[in-house]
C-alpha atoms as a PDB file:
ATOM      1  CA  MET A   1     -15.460 -67.252 118.255  1.00  0.00           C
ATOM      2  CA  PHE A   2     -13.537 -67.631 115.742  1.00  0.00           C
ATOM      3  CA  TYR A   3     -13.389 -67.737 111.923  1.00  0.00           C
ATOM      4  CA  ARG A   4     -12.019 -69.837 109.131  1.00  0.00           C
ATOM      5  CA  LEU A   5     -10.563 -68.207 106.477  1.00  0.00           C
ATOM      6  CA  ILE A   6     -10.012 -70.546 103.440  1.00  0.00           C
ATOM      7  CA  LEU A   7      -8.137 -69.338 101.099  1.00  0.00           C
ATOM      8  CA  PRO A   8      -9.099 -69.780  97.082  1.00  0.00           C
ATOM      9  CA  ALA A   9      -6.603 -70.536  94.576  1.00  0.00           C
ATOM     10  CA  SER A  10      -7.487 -67.468  92.699  1.00  0.00           C
ATOM     11  CA  SER A  11      -6.140 -65.684  89.695  1.00  0.00           C
ATOM     12  CA  ASP A  12      -6.600 -62.461  91.261  1.00  0.00           C
ATOM     13  CA  LEU A  13      -5.128 -63.846  94.569  1.00  0.00           C
ATOM     14  CA  SER A  14      -2.662 -65.740  91.964  1.00  0.00           C
ATOM     15  CA  ARG A  15      -1.272 -62.860  90.300  1.00  0.00           C
ATOM     16  CA  ALA A  16      -0.830 -59.907  93.000  1.00  0.00           C
ATOM     17  CA  LEU A  17       1.700 -63.170  94.356  1.00  0.00           C
ATOM     18  CA  ILE A  18       3.022 -63.594  91.468  1.00  0.00           C
ATOM     19  CA  GLN A  19       3.499 -59.604  90.539  1.00  0.00           C
ATOM     20  CA  ALA A  20       4.708 -59.303  94.753  1.00  0.00           C
ATOM     21  CA  GLN A  21       6.994 -62.432  94.097  1.00  0.00           C
ATOM     22  CA  GLN A  22      10.691 -60.545  92.937  1.00  0.00           C
ATOM     23  CA  GLU A  23       9.802 -58.472  95.926  1.00  0.00           C
ATOM     24  CA  ILE A  24       9.572 -60.996  98.548  1.00  0.00           C
ATOM     25  CA  ASP A  25      11.920 -63.324  97.384  1.00  0.00           C
ATOM     26  CA  ARG A  26      14.733 -60.569  98.899  1.00  0.00           C
ATOM     27  CA  LEU A  27      12.662 -60.740 101.958  1.00  0.00           C
ATOM     28  CA  THR A  28      14.330 -62.458 105.270  1.00  0.00           C
ATOM     29  CA  PRO A  29      11.929 -65.655 105.852  1.00  0.00           C
ATOM     30  CA  SER A  30      10.171 -63.898 108.527  1.00  0.00           C
ATOM     31  CA  THR A  31       9.368 -61.102 106.937  1.00  0.00           C
ATOM     32  CA  ARG A  32       8.448 -63.207 103.195  1.00  0.00           C
ATOM     33  CA  LEU A  33       6.079 -64.749 105.186  1.00  0.00           C
ATOM     34  CA  LYS A  34       4.181 -62.037 106.972  1.00  0.00           C
ATOM     35  CA  ARG A  35       4.202 -60.199 102.979  1.00  0.00           C
ATOM     36  CA  LEU A  36       2.710 -63.460 101.673  1.00  0.00           C
ATOM     37  CA  LEU A  37       0.191 -63.202 104.576  1.00  0.00           C
ATOM     38  CA  LEU A  38      -0.599 -59.120 104.065  1.00  0.00           C
ATOM     39  CA  LEU A  39      -1.254 -60.074  99.895  1.00  0.00           C
ATOM     40  CA  CYS A  40      -3.504 -62.968 100.552  1.00  0.00           C
ATOM     41  CA  LEU A  41      -5.632 -61.088 103.557  1.00  0.00           C
ATOM     42  CA  GLN A  42      -5.857 -58.160 100.821  1.00  0.00           C
ATOM     43  CA  ALA A  43      -6.730 -60.271  98.008  1.00  0.00           C
ATOM     44  CA  GLN A  44     -10.218 -61.703 101.021  1.00  0.00           C
ATOM     45  CA  GLN A  45     -10.030 -58.399 102.592  1.00  0.00           C
ATOM     46  CA  GLY A  46     -14.378 -58.801 101.245  1.00  0.00           C
ATOM     47  CA  SER A  47     -15.188 -61.445 103.429  1.00  0.00           C
ATOM     48  CA  LEU A  48     -13.394 -60.185 106.166  1.00  0.00           C
ATOM     49  CA  GLN A  49     -14.776 -56.728 106.607  1.00  0.00           C
ATOM     50  CA  PRO A  50     -17.990 -57.447 108.220  1.00  0.00           C
ATOM     51  CA  LEU A  51     -16.237 -59.306 110.741  1.00  0.00           C
ATOM     52  CA  LEU A  52     -13.854 -57.218 111.405  1.00  0.00           C
ATOM     53  CA  GLU A  53     -15.807 -54.063 111.293  1.00  0.00           C
ATOM     54  CA  ARG A  54     -16.920 -52.704 115.232  1.00  0.00           C
ATOM     55  CA  ASP A  55     -19.671 -51.823 116.291  1.00  0.00           C
ATOM     56  CA  LEU A  56     -19.315 -47.533 116.912  1.00  0.00           C
ATOM     57  CA  SER A  57     -22.720 -46.868 118.906  1.00  0.00           C
ATOM     58  CA  TYR A  58     -19.864 -45.874 121.644  1.00  0.00           C
ATOM     59  CA  LEU A  59     -18.855 -43.155 119.998  1.00  0.00           C
ATOM     60  CA  ASN A  60     -22.533 -42.658 118.829  1.00  0.00           C
ATOM     61  CA  PRO A  61     -24.762 -44.165 117.898  1.00  0.00           C
ATOM     62  CA  LEU A  62     -24.952 -42.344 114.619  1.00  0.00           C
ATOM     63  CA  ALA A  63     -21.269 -43.475 113.552  1.00  0.00           C
ATOM     64  CA  HIS A  64     -20.962 -46.310 110.471  1.00  0.00           C
ATOM     65  CA  SER A  65     -17.835 -46.933 108.768  1.00  0.00           C
ATOM     66  CA  VAL A  66     -16.562 -44.544 105.344  1.00  0.00           C
ATOM     67  CA  GLY A  67     -14.374 -45.058 103.303  1.00  0.00           C
ATOM     68  CA  GLU A  68     -12.326 -47.614 101.691  1.00  0.00           C
ATOM     69  CA  TRP A  69     -10.249 -50.564 104.923  1.00  0.00           C
ATOM     70  CA  GLN A  70      -6.449 -51.124 104.361  1.00  0.00           C
ATOM     71  CA  PHE A  71      -4.641 -53.776 105.643  1.00  0.00           C
ATOM     72  CA  VAL A  72      -1.446 -52.464 107.479  1.00  0.00           C
ATOM     73  CA  ARG A  73       0.487 -55.133 108.305  1.00  0.00           C
ATOM     74  CA  VAL A  74       0.905 -58.888 110.023  1.00  0.00           C
ATOM     75  CA  GLU A  75       2.661 -58.915 112.802  1.00  0.00           C
ATOM     76  CA  PHE A  76       4.235 -62.112 114.360  1.00  0.00           C
ATOM     77  CA  CYS A  77       3.277 -63.078 117.792  1.00  0.00           C
ATOM     78  CA  ASP A  78       4.766 -65.715 117.972  1.00  0.00           C
ATOM     79  CA  LYS A  79       5.175 -69.549 117.145  1.00  0.00           C
ATOM     80  CA  ASP A  80       1.339 -69.781 114.028  1.00  0.00           C
ATOM     81  CA  ARG A  81       0.480 -67.002 115.693  1.00  0.00           C
ATOM     82  CA  TYR A  82      -0.426 -63.616 114.243  1.00  0.00           C
ATOM     83  CA  LEU A  83      -1.803 -60.303 114.341  1.00  0.00           C
ATOM     84  CA  LEU A  84      -3.370 -58.145 111.487  1.00  0.00           C
ATOM     85  CA  HIS A  85      -2.935 -54.296 111.747  1.00  0.00           C
ATOM     86  CA  PHE A  86      -6.111 -53.117 109.888  1.00  0.00           C
ATOM     87  CA  GLU A  87      -7.930 -48.685 109.411  1.00  0.00           C
ATOM     88  CA  TYR A  88     -10.698 -47.758 108.744  1.00  0.00           C
ATOM     89  CA  ASP A  89     -12.586 -44.277 108.908  1.00  0.00           C
ATOM     90  CA  TRP A  90     -15.316 -43.972 110.722  1.00  0.00           C
ATOM     91  CA  GLN A  91     -18.402 -41.171 110.387  1.00  0.00           C
ATOM     92  CA  VAL A  92     -20.936 -39.451 112.107  1.00  0.00           C
ATOM     93  CA  PHE A  93     -23.465 -37.242 110.509  1.00  0.00           C
ATOM     94  CA  SER A  94     -26.659 -35.601 111.360  1.00  0.00           C
ATOM     95  CA  CYS A  95     -29.346 -33.288 110.443  1.00  0.00           C
ATOM     96  CA  MET A  96     -28.937 -32.221 113.268  1.00  0.00           C
ATOM     97  CA  GLY A  97     -25.193 -30.121 112.721  1.00  0.00           C
ATOM     98  CA  LEU A  98     -23.074 -33.298 114.530  1.00  0.00           C
ATOM     99  CA  ASN A  99     -20.903 -34.288 112.075  1.00  0.00           C
ATOM    100  CA  ALA A 100     -17.826 -35.623 113.356  1.00  0.00           C
ATOM    101  CA  SER A 101     -14.999 -38.624 112.279  1.00  0.00           C
ATOM    102  CA  GLY A 102     -11.645 -39.922 112.614  1.00  0.00           C
ATOM    103  CA  ARG A 103      -9.549 -43.010 111.571  1.00  0.00           C
ATOM    104  CA  PHE A 104     -10.240 -46.429 113.284  1.00  0.00           C
ATOM    105  CA  VAL A 105      -7.058 -48.369 113.950  1.00  0.00           C
ATOM    106  CA  ASP A 106      -7.170 -52.209 114.972  1.00  0.00           C
ATOM    107  CA  LYS A 107      -6.218 -55.757 115.438  1.00  0.00           C
ATOM    108  CA  VAL A 108      -7.427 -58.702 114.892  1.00  0.00           C
ATOM    109  CA  ALA A 109      -5.099 -62.401 116.235  1.00  0.00           C
ATOM    110  CA  PHE A 110      -4.898 -65.085 113.435  1.00  0.00           C
ATOM    111  CA  CYS A 111      -4.039 -68.535 113.321  1.00  0.00           C
ATOM    112  CA  LEU A 112      -1.982 -70.363 110.993  1.00  0.00           C
ATOM    113  CA  GLU A 113      -3.273 -74.203 111.258  1.00  0.00           C
ATOM    114  CA  PRO A 114      -0.996 -76.502 109.659  1.00  0.00           C
ATOM    115  CA  ASN A 115      -3.215 -77.062 106.361  1.00  0.00           C
ATOM    116  CA  GLY A 116      -2.835 -73.176 105.242  1.00  0.00           C
ATOM    117  CA  VAL A 117      -5.852 -72.407 107.521  1.00  0.00           C
ATOM    118  CA  LEU A 118      -6.219 -69.196 108.892  1.00  0.00           C
ATOM    119  CA  CYS A 119      -8.116 -68.848 112.393  1.00  0.00           C
ATOM    120  CA  PHE A 120      -9.447 -65.165 112.907  1.00  0.00           C
ATOM    121  CA  ASP A 121      -9.907 -65.044 117.039  1.00  0.00           C
ATOM    122  CA  LEU A 122     -13.047 -62.837 116.975  1.00  0.00           C
ATOM    123  CA  HIS A 123     -13.667 -63.234 120.973  1.00  0.00           C
ATOM    124  CA  GLY A 124     -13.059 -59.233 121.325  1.00  0.00           C
ATOM    125  CA  PHE A 125     -15.045 -58.157 118.223  1.00  0.00           C
ATOM    126  CA  GLY A 126     -18.031 -57.342 121.055  1.00  0.00           C
ATOM    127  CA  HIS A 127     -19.733 -54.253 121.597  1.00  0.00           C
ATOM    128  CA  LEU A 128     -16.798 -51.616 122.664  1.00  0.00           C
ATOM    129  CA  SER A 129     -16.889 -48.975 125.483  1.00  0.00           C
ATOM    130  CA  PRO A 130     -15.808 -45.921 125.730  1.00  0.00           C
ATOM    131  CA  ALA A 131     -12.918 -46.738 128.879  1.00  0.00           C
ATOM    132  CA  ASP A 132     -12.077 -48.062 125.655  1.00  0.00           C
ATOM    133  CA  GLU A 133     -10.526 -45.405 124.212  1.00  0.00           C
ATOM    134  CA  LEU A 134      -8.634 -44.504 127.744  1.00  0.00           C
END
């Protein structure tokens, strides 16, 4: 499954880009693009989270994400392909005294299309198994 994200020209996004402009101007062109992409993705984080949240039932049927997500960095792969690295906390809580928590670290591939649309490859975002932890 692919998900296309059209980045709106919102005032929050514009403010974030303007605030980072001085820092970004000092960077190399490829680093500058990765930083701009990360800022745009962070501004759209709320719409991306439901798509990127894994089914954590392989850890425990009661496992779920908690707290804030963090979009950590954008990594260049090749040509117009990138990886978005992100993290979020998970937790298991039950009346039976089973309490566990941890930090889930993940990444998703996406392409930057010529028209500025980001196309996310969500094919790998199905169910995980304990074998994925190895």
